[in-house]
Amino acid sequence: MKALLSALAVCCFAAPVVAQQATTAPGGTLRVLDKITGSTQDIEFRNGQTNSVGLLAITMSECRYPSGNRSGDAYALLTIVYSNAADPVFRGWMIASAPALNALDHPRYDVWALRCSSE
């Protein structure tokens, strides 16, 4: 009985989950760290653009930010290829506020999203 009342209380008082609306920006900025040399580079991308950094080829397919809050979080859809390999070492969304949530797992390089561009 106690379990039933607890379950009922959770159902009644739980707030509905609402998806955050996002706007697509024309591009964004990523930061790349070379762990061997200790150097970092901030790189500007347009959506669909590929840039090379060291042995990485990074493609930003899309950059999104919360609607109505351009300076809010950035969500970047990336494909990262190492040294012309057939398969990417990373493909997916990186989130600026939580770079470890979905990170590039590479012994030499770290890549993370910084922000979406406004123009």
Protein backbone atom coordinates (compact mmCIF):
# COMPACT_ATOMS: atom_id res chain seq x y z
CA MET A 1 0.00 0.00 0.00
CA LYS A 2 2.84 2.36 0.88
CA ALA A 3 4.50 1.68 -2.48
CA LEU A 4 1.24 2.38 -4.31
CA LEU A 5 0.80 5.71 -2.53
CA SER A 6 4.41 6.66 -3.26
CA ALA A 7 3.98 5.84 -6.94
CA LEU A 8 0.75 7.83 -7.07
CA ALA A 9 2.44 10.83 -5.42
CA VAL A 10 5.27 10.73 -7.95
CA CYS A 11 2.82 10.63 -10.86
CA CYS A 12 0.71 13.48 -9.52
CA PHE A 13 3.51 15.85 -8.59
CA ALA A 14 6.01 15.14 -11.35
CA ALA A 15 6.38 18.02 -13.78
CA PRO A 16 5.93 17.18 -17.43
CA VAL A 17 9.14 16.95 -19.42
CA VAL A 18 9.36 19.70 -22.02
CA ALA A 19 11.92 19.66 -24.79
CA GLN A 20 13.95 22.83 -25.10
CA GLN A 21 13.48 24.60 -28.42
CA ALA A 22 16.71 25.17 -30.35
CA THR A 23 17.69 27.49 -33.19
CA THR A 24 20.28 26.58 -35.80
CA ALA A 25 23.16 29.05 -36.05
CA PRO A 26 25.18 29.56 -39.25
CA GLY A 27 28.30 28.11 -37.57
CA GLY A 28 30.26 27.89 -34.35
CA THR A 29 33.61 27.86 -32.55
CA LEU A 30 35.51 24.82 -31.34
CA ARG A 31 38.64 24.60 -29.20
CA VAL A 32 41.29 21.97 -29.99
CA LEU A 33 43.98 20.95 -27.49
CA ASP A 34 47.12 19.09 -28.60
CA LYS A 35 48.03 17.18 -25.43
CA ILE A 36 51.63 16.59 -26.59
CA THR A 37 52.56 20.22 -27.29
CA GLY A 38 50.08 21.76 -24.85
CA SER A 39 48.86 24.21 -27.51
CA THR A 40 45.22 25.18 -28.02
CA GLN A 41 43.48 26.65 -31.05
CA ASP A 42 40.04 28.20 -31.32
CA ILE A 43 38.62 27.50 -34.77
CA GLU A 44 35.62 29.13 -36.42
CA PHE A 45 33.37 26.92 -38.56
CA ARG A 46 30.44 27.46 -40.87
CA ASN A 47 27.86 24.67 -40.92
CA GLY A 48 29.09 21.96 -43.28
CA GLN A 49 32.69 23.21 -43.24
CA THR A 50 35.73 20.98 -42.64
CA ASN A 51 38.96 22.30 -41.10
CA SER A 52 42.22 20.45 -40.48
CA VAL A 53 44.11 20.78 -37.22
CA GLY A 54 47.25 18.67 -36.92
CA LEU A 55 46.20 15.19 -38.00
CA LEU A 56 42.48 15.82 -37.39
CA ALA A 57 39.89 16.69 -40.02
CA ILE A 58 36.90 18.22 -38.20
CA THR A 59 33.53 18.79 -39.86
CA MET A 60 30.83 20.81 -38.13
CA SER A 61 27.51 19.76 -39.64
CA GLU A 62 25.38 22.00 -37.46
CA CYS A 63 25.51 24.29 -34.42
CA ARG A 64 22.39 24.93 -32.32
CA TYR A 65 21.62 27.14 -29.33
CA PRO A 66 18.52 27.58 -27.11
CA SER A 67 15.87 29.67 -28.88
CA GLY A 68 15.77 33.20 -27.54
CA ASN A 69 19.16 32.83 -25.82
CA ARG A 70 21.96 33.15 -28.36
CA SER A 71 24.59 33.34 -25.60
CA GLY A 72 23.21 30.15 -24.02
CA ASP A 73 24.55 26.66 -24.44
CA ALA A 74 25.96 25.46 -27.78
CA TYR A 75 25.26 22.05 -29.31
CA ALA A 76 27.61 21.12 -32.17
CA LEU A 77 27.14 18.13 -34.48
CA LEU A 78 30.67 17.01 -35.37
CA THR A 79 32.48 14.38 -37.38
CA ILE A 80 36.19 14.02 -36.58
CA VAL A 81 38.58 11.89 -38.64
CA TYR A 82 42.16 11.16 -37.57
CA SER A 83 44.92 10.89 -40.17
CA ASN A 84 42.67 10.11 -43.16
CA ALA A 85 41.25 6.98 -41.52
CA ALA A 86 38.22 5.37 -43.10
CA ASP A 87 36.13 5.57 -39.93
CA PRO A 88 35.74 8.71 -37.82
CA VAL A 89 37.13 8.75 -34.27
CA PHE A 90 34.09 10.82 -33.25
CA ARG A 91 30.64 11.41 -34.70
CA GLY A 92 27.92 13.04 -32.65
CA TRP A 93 26.78 16.06 -30.65
CA MET A 94 29.12 17.95 -28.32
CA ILE A 95 27.57 20.22 -25.72
CA ALA A 96 29.50 23.33 -24.64
CA SER A 97 28.33 23.23 -21.01
CA ALA A 98 29.11 19.51 -20.60
CA PRO A 99 32.13 18.61 -22.77
CA ALA A 100 32.74 15.32 -20.92
CA LEU A 101 29.19 14.13 -21.60
CA ASN A 102 30.03 13.10 -25.17
CA ALA A 103 33.76 13.62 -25.64
CA LEU A 104 36.36 12.75 -28.24
CA ASP A 105 38.35 9.84 -26.81
CA HIS A 106 41.78 10.34 -28.35
CA PRO A 107 45.27 10.01 -26.81
CA ARG A 108 46.62 13.19 -28.45
CA TYR A 109 43.73 15.59 -29.04
CA ASP A 110 40.83 17.06 -27.08
CA VAL A 111 38.08 18.93 -28.93
CA TRP A 112 35.16 20.78 -27.37
CA ALA A 113 32.43 23.16 -28.46
CA LEU A 114 32.63 26.75 -27.21
CA ARG A 115 29.75 28.66 -28.79
CA CYS A 116 27.58 29.12 -31.87
CA SER A 117 28.24 32.10 -34.13
CA SER A 118 25.72 34.85 -34.65
CA GLU A 119 26.44 35.65 -38.29
